[in-house]
Amino acid sequence: MYYNIAIDKNDNILLSVRDNGNGLSESEQSKLFERYYRGTNTKEKPEGSGLGLAIANQIVTLHGGEIAVKSQLGIGTEFITHVPCKNGEAAN
């Protein structure tokens, strides 16, 4: 797992988290932020309630930001979060 945190030219806080795992199909990517969705692209039994990404997306959205996902099968997945920042502090 790799991550990067930065502030872009538009004063957005950028958080990027990526892995080099199995990757996700386009169908799975379209469902990731739905409540109770648990991915199936793993050899292990899915755990959890399927709420984590839905809650994270809602929190980021309430702060005026967005979460995007980029993934390729066999290569890995990257989540990119943009949250507006004002004078070096996150917007409320």
N, C-alpha and C. Protein backbone atom coordinates (compact mmCIF):
# COMPACT_ATOMS: atom_id res chain seq x y z
N MET A 1 0.86 -1.16 0.00
CA MET A 1 0.00 0.00 0.00
C MET A 1 0.90 1.23 0.00
N TYR A 2 0.53 2.19 -0.82
CA TYR A 2 1.29 3.43 -0.94
C TYR A 2 0.33 4.60 -0.78
N TYR A 3 0.81 5.71 -0.23
CA TYR A 3 -0.05 6.88 -0.13
C TYR A 3 0.77 8.14 -0.36
N ASN A 4 0.06 9.21 -0.72
CA ASN A 4 0.69 10.51 -0.94
C ASN A 4 -0.31 11.58 -0.50
N ILE A 5 0.18 12.60 0.19
CA ILE A 5 -0.65 13.73 0.60
C ILE A 5 0.01 15.00 0.07
N ALA A 6 -0.81 15.88 -0.55
CA ALA A 6 -0.27 17.12 -1.11
C ALA A 6 -1.37 18.17 -1.17
N ILE A 7 -0.98 19.41 -1.46
CA ILE A 7 -1.93 20.49 -1.73
C ILE A 7 -1.68 20.93 -3.16
N ASP A 8 -2.74 20.93 -3.99
CA ASP A 8 -2.57 21.29 -5.40
C ASP A 8 -2.68 22.79 -5.62
N LYS A 9 -2.55 23.21 -6.88
CA LYS A 9 -2.56 24.64 -7.23
C LYS A 9 -3.90 25.31 -6.95
N ASN A 10 -4.97 24.51 -6.80
CA ASN A 10 -6.29 25.06 -6.48
C ASN A 10 -6.60 24.99 -4.99
N ASP A 11 -5.58 24.79 -4.18
CA ASP A 11 -5.72 24.69 -2.73
C ASP A 11 -6.62 23.54 -2.29
N ASN A 12 -6.56 22.43 -3.00
CA ASN A 12 -7.24 21.21 -2.59
C ASN A 12 -6.24 20.32 -1.87
N ILE A 13 -6.68 19.70 -0.79
CA ILE A 13 -5.86 18.67 -0.16
C ILE A 13 -6.07 17.40 -0.97
N LEU A 14 -5.00 16.81 -1.43
CA LEU A 14 -5.06 15.59 -2.22
C LEU A 14 -4.52 14.44 -1.40
N LEU A 15 -5.28 13.38 -1.33
CA LEU A 15 -4.83 12.16 -0.67
C LEU A 15 -4.99 11.04 -1.67
N SER A 16 -3.90 10.38 -1.96
CA SER A 16 -3.91 9.26 -2.90
C SER A 16 -3.45 8.01 -2.16
N VAL A 17 -4.24 6.94 -2.27
CA VAL A 17 -3.89 5.66 -1.66
C VAL A 17 -3.99 4.61 -2.77
N ARG A 18 -2.91 3.84 -2.96
CA ARG A 18 -2.94 2.83 -4.02
C ARG A 18 -2.30 1.54 -3.55
N ASP A 19 -2.66 0.48 -4.26
CA ASP A 19 -2.06 -0.82 -3.99
C ASP A 19 -1.71 -1.48 -5.31
N ASN A 20 -1.07 -2.60 -5.22
CA ASN A 20 -0.75 -3.37 -6.43
C ASN A 20 -1.44 -4.73 -6.35
N GLY A 21 -2.68 -4.71 -5.91
CA GLY A 21 -3.47 -5.93 -5.74
C GLY A 21 -4.11 -6.40 -7.03
N ASN A 22 -5.25 -7.08 -6.89
CA ASN A 22 -5.94 -7.68 -8.03
C ASN A 22 -6.58 -6.67 -8.96
N GLY A 23 -6.88 -5.49 -8.47
CA GLY A 23 -7.61 -4.52 -9.27
C GLY A 23 -9.10 -4.81 -9.23
N LEU A 24 -9.89 -3.90 -9.80
CA LEU A 24 -11.34 -4.02 -9.79
C LEU A 24 -11.90 -3.88 -11.19
N SER A 25 -12.94 -4.63 -11.48
CA SER A 25 -13.62 -4.49 -12.77
C SER A 25 -14.39 -3.18 -12.78
N GLU A 26 -14.80 -2.72 -13.95
CA GLU A 26 -15.60 -1.49 -14.05
C GLU A 26 -16.92 -1.65 -13.31
N SER A 27 -17.48 -2.84 -13.34
CA SER A 27 -18.74 -3.11 -12.64
C SER A 27 -18.56 -2.93 -11.12
N GLU A 28 -17.49 -3.47 -10.57
CA GLU A 28 -17.22 -3.32 -9.14
C GLU A 28 -16.95 -1.86 -8.79
N GLN A 29 -16.19 -1.17 -9.64
CA GLN A 29 -15.87 0.23 -9.38
C GLN A 29 -17.13 1.08 -9.29
N SER A 30 -18.12 0.78 -10.11
CA SER A 30 -19.35 1.57 -10.11
C SER A 30 -20.17 1.36 -8.84
N LYS A 31 -19.92 0.30 -8.08
CA LYS A 31 -20.68 -0.02 -6.87
C LYS A 31 -19.94 0.31 -5.58
N LEU A 32 -18.68 0.66 -5.66
CA LEU A 32 -17.84 0.79 -4.47
C LEU A 32 -18.39 1.71 -3.39
N PHE A 33 -19.03 2.79 -3.77
CA PHE A 33 -19.47 3.78 -2.79
C PHE A 33 -20.92 3.58 -2.37
N GLU A 34 -21.53 2.46 -2.79
CA GLU A 34 -22.89 2.13 -2.37
C GLU A 34 -22.85 1.50 -0.98
N ARG A 35 -23.82 1.86 -0.17
CA ARG A 35 -23.90 1.27 1.17
C ARG A 35 -24.11 -0.23 1.07
N TYR A 36 -23.45 -0.95 1.91
CA TYR A 36 -23.53 -2.40 2.06
C TYR A 36 -22.90 -3.19 0.93
N TYR A 37 -22.26 -2.52 -0.04
CA TYR A 37 -21.57 -3.27 -1.09
C TYR A 37 -20.23 -3.75 -0.55
N ARG A 38 -19.97 -5.04 -0.71
CA ARG A 38 -18.67 -5.61 -0.32
C ARG A 38 -18.08 -6.25 -1.56
N GLY A 39 -16.90 -5.82 -1.91
CA GLY A 39 -16.24 -6.34 -3.10
C GLY A 39 -16.08 -7.85 -3.07
N THR A 40 -15.96 -8.42 -4.24
CA THR A 40 -15.85 -9.88 -4.35
C THR A 40 -14.55 -10.31 -5.00
N ASN A 41 -13.70 -9.37 -5.38
CA ASN A 41 -12.48 -9.70 -6.11
C ASN A 41 -11.34 -10.01 -5.14
N THR A 42 -11.54 -11.04 -4.34
CA THR A 42 -10.52 -11.45 -3.38
C THR A 42 -10.63 -12.94 -3.14
N LYS A 43 -9.53 -13.53 -2.73
CA LYS A 43 -9.54 -14.96 -2.43
C LYS A 43 -10.03 -15.23 -1.01
N GLU A 44 -10.10 -14.17 -0.22
CA GLU A 44 -10.53 -14.30 1.16
C GLU A 44 -12.01 -13.95 1.28
N LYS A 45 -12.62 -14.43 2.35
CA LYS A 45 -14.02 -14.12 2.62
C LYS A 45 -14.14 -12.62 2.91
N PRO A 46 -15.05 -11.91 2.22
CA PRO A 46 -15.23 -10.49 2.51
C PRO A 46 -15.69 -10.28 3.95
N GLU A 47 -15.08 -9.31 4.62
CA GLU A 47 -15.46 -9.00 5.99
C GLU A 47 -15.99 -7.57 6.04
N GLY A 48 -16.60 -7.23 7.12
CA GLY A 48 -17.12 -5.89 7.31
C GLY A 48 -18.55 -5.78 6.84
N SER A 49 -19.09 -4.57 6.98
CA SER A 49 -20.50 -4.34 6.68
C SER A 49 -20.72 -3.72 5.31
N GLY A 50 -19.65 -3.29 4.66
CA GLY A 50 -19.82 -2.63 3.37
C GLY A 50 -20.19 -1.16 3.51
N LEU A 51 -19.89 -0.56 4.66
CA LEU A 51 -20.23 0.83 4.88
C LEU A 51 -19.04 1.78 4.79
N GLY A 52 -17.83 1.29 4.90
CA GLY A 52 -16.64 2.14 5.00
C GLY A 52 -16.49 3.16 3.89
N LEU A 53 -16.51 2.72 2.64
CA LEU A 53 -16.33 3.66 1.53
C LEU A 53 -17.53 4.57 1.35
N ALA A 54 -18.73 4.08 1.65
CA ALA A 54 -19.93 4.92 1.57
C ALA A 54 -19.84 6.06 2.59
N ILE A 55 -19.41 5.74 3.80
CA ILE A 55 -19.27 6.76 4.84
C ILE A 55 -18.15 7.73 4.49
N ALA A 56 -17.01 7.22 4.05
CA ALA A 56 -15.89 8.08 3.66
C ALA A 56 -16.32 9.04 2.55
N ASN A 57 -17.04 8.52 1.57
CA ASN A 57 -17.50 9.35 0.45
C ASN A 57 -18.45 10.44 0.95
N GLN A 58 -19.33 10.10 1.87
CA GLN A 58 -20.28 11.08 2.41
C GLN A 58 -19.55 12.18 3.19
N ILE A 59 -18.57 11.81 3.98
CA ILE A 59 -17.80 12.80 4.76
C ILE A 59 -17.05 13.74 3.83
N VAL A 60 -16.39 13.18 2.83
CA VAL A 60 -15.63 14.01 1.88
C VAL A 60 -16.58 14.93 1.11
N THR A 61 -17.72 14.41 0.68
CA THR A 61 -18.71 15.21 -0.05
C THR A 61 -19.24 16.35 0.81
N LEU A 62 -19.52 16.08 2.09
CA LEU A 62 -20.00 17.12 2.98
C LEU A 62 -18.98 18.24 3.19
N HIS A 63 -17.71 17.94 2.97
CA HIS A 63 -16.66 18.95 3.06
C HIS A 63 -16.35 19.57 1.69
N GLY A 64 -17.21 19.32 0.71
CA GLY A 64 -17.05 19.93 -0.61
C GLY A 64 -16.05 19.23 -1.49
N GLY A 65 -15.66 18.02 -1.15
CA GLY A 65 -14.67 17.29 -1.92
C GLY A 65 -15.26 16.13 -2.69
N GLU A 66 -14.38 15.29 -3.19
CA GLU A 66 -14.82 14.10 -3.92
C GLU A 66 -13.76 13.01 -3.83
N ILE A 67 -14.22 11.78 -3.97
CA ILE A 67 -13.33 10.62 -4.02
C ILE A 67 -13.51 9.98 -5.38
N ALA A 68 -12.39 9.66 -6.01
CA ALA A 68 -12.42 8.96 -7.30
C ALA A 68 -11.62 7.67 -7.15
N VAL A 69 -11.93 6.70 -7.98
CA VAL A 69 -11.20 5.44 -7.98
C VAL A 69 -10.71 5.15 -9.38
N LYS A 70 -9.47 4.69 -9.48
CA LYS A 70 -8.90 4.22 -10.74
C LYS A 70 -8.39 2.82 -10.47
N SER A 71 -8.74 1.88 -11.34
CA SER A 71 -8.31 0.52 -11.11
C SER A 71 -8.17 -0.22 -12.42
N GLN A 72 -7.22 -1.13 -12.45
CA GLN A 72 -7.03 -2.02 -13.60
C GLN A 72 -6.84 -3.43 -13.08
N LEU A 73 -7.56 -4.36 -13.68
CA LEU A 73 -7.43 -5.75 -13.28
C LEU A 73 -5.99 -6.21 -13.43
N GLY A 74 -5.48 -6.88 -12.42
CA GLY A 74 -4.12 -7.40 -12.44
C GLY A 74 -3.04 -6.38 -12.14
N ILE A 75 -3.41 -5.10 -11.98
CA ILE A 75 -2.41 -4.05 -11.74
C ILE A 75 -2.60 -3.41 -10.36
N GLY A 76 -3.84 -3.10 -9.99
CA GLY A 76 -4.08 -2.50 -8.69
C GLY A 76 -5.13 -1.41 -8.74
N THR A 77 -5.32 -0.76 -7.59
CA THR A 77 -6.37 0.23 -7.42
C THR A 77 -5.80 1.47 -6.74
N GLU A 78 -6.32 2.62 -7.14
CA GLU A 78 -5.93 3.88 -6.51
C GLU A 78 -7.18 4.69 -6.19
N PHE A 79 -7.25 5.17 -4.96
CA PHE A 79 -8.31 6.09 -4.54
C PHE A 79 -7.68 7.47 -4.42
N ILE A 80 -8.33 8.47 -5.01
CA ILE A 80 -7.83 9.84 -4.98
C ILE A 80 -8.91 10.71 -4.37
N THR A 81 -8.58 11.38 -3.28
CA THR A 81 -9.51 12.25 -2.57
C THR A 81 -9.06 13.69 -2.73
N HIS A 82 -10.00 14.56 -3.11
CA HIS A 82 -9.77 16.00 -3.21
C HIS A 82 -10.70 16.67 -2.20
N VAL A 83 -10.14 17.46 -1.30
CA VAL A 83 -10.93 18.23 -0.33
C VAL A 83 -10.48 19.68 -0.40
N PRO A 84 -11.42 20.63 -0.59
CA PRO A 84 -11.04 22.03 -0.65
C PRO A 84 -10.32 22.47 0.61
N CYS A 85 -9.37 23.34 0.44
CA CYS A 85 -8.56 23.84 1.54
C CYS A 85 -8.56 25.35 1.46
N LYS A 86 -8.64 26.00 2.60
CA LYS A 86 -8.65 27.45 2.63
C LYS A 86 -7.54 27.91 3.56
N ASN A 87 -6.58 28.66 3.02
CA ASN A 87 -5.45 29.15 3.82
C ASN A 87 -4.73 28.05 4.57
N GLY A 88 -4.56 26.90 3.92
CA GLY A 88 -3.84 25.81 4.52
C GLY A 88 -4.65 24.96 5.48
N GLU A 89 -5.94 25.27 5.64
CA GLU A 89 -6.79 24.48 6.54
C GLU A 89 -7.96 23.93 5.75
N ALA A 90 -8.41 22.74 6.10
CA ALA A 90 -9.55 22.13 5.42
C ALA A 90 -10.79 22.99 5.61
N ALA A 91 -11.61 23.08 4.55
CA ALA A 91 -12.85 23.83 4.62
C ALA A 91 -13.86 23.12 5.50
N ASN A 92 -14.74 23.89 6.17
CA ASN A 92 -15.79 23.28 7.00
C ASN A 92 -17.06 23.21 6.21
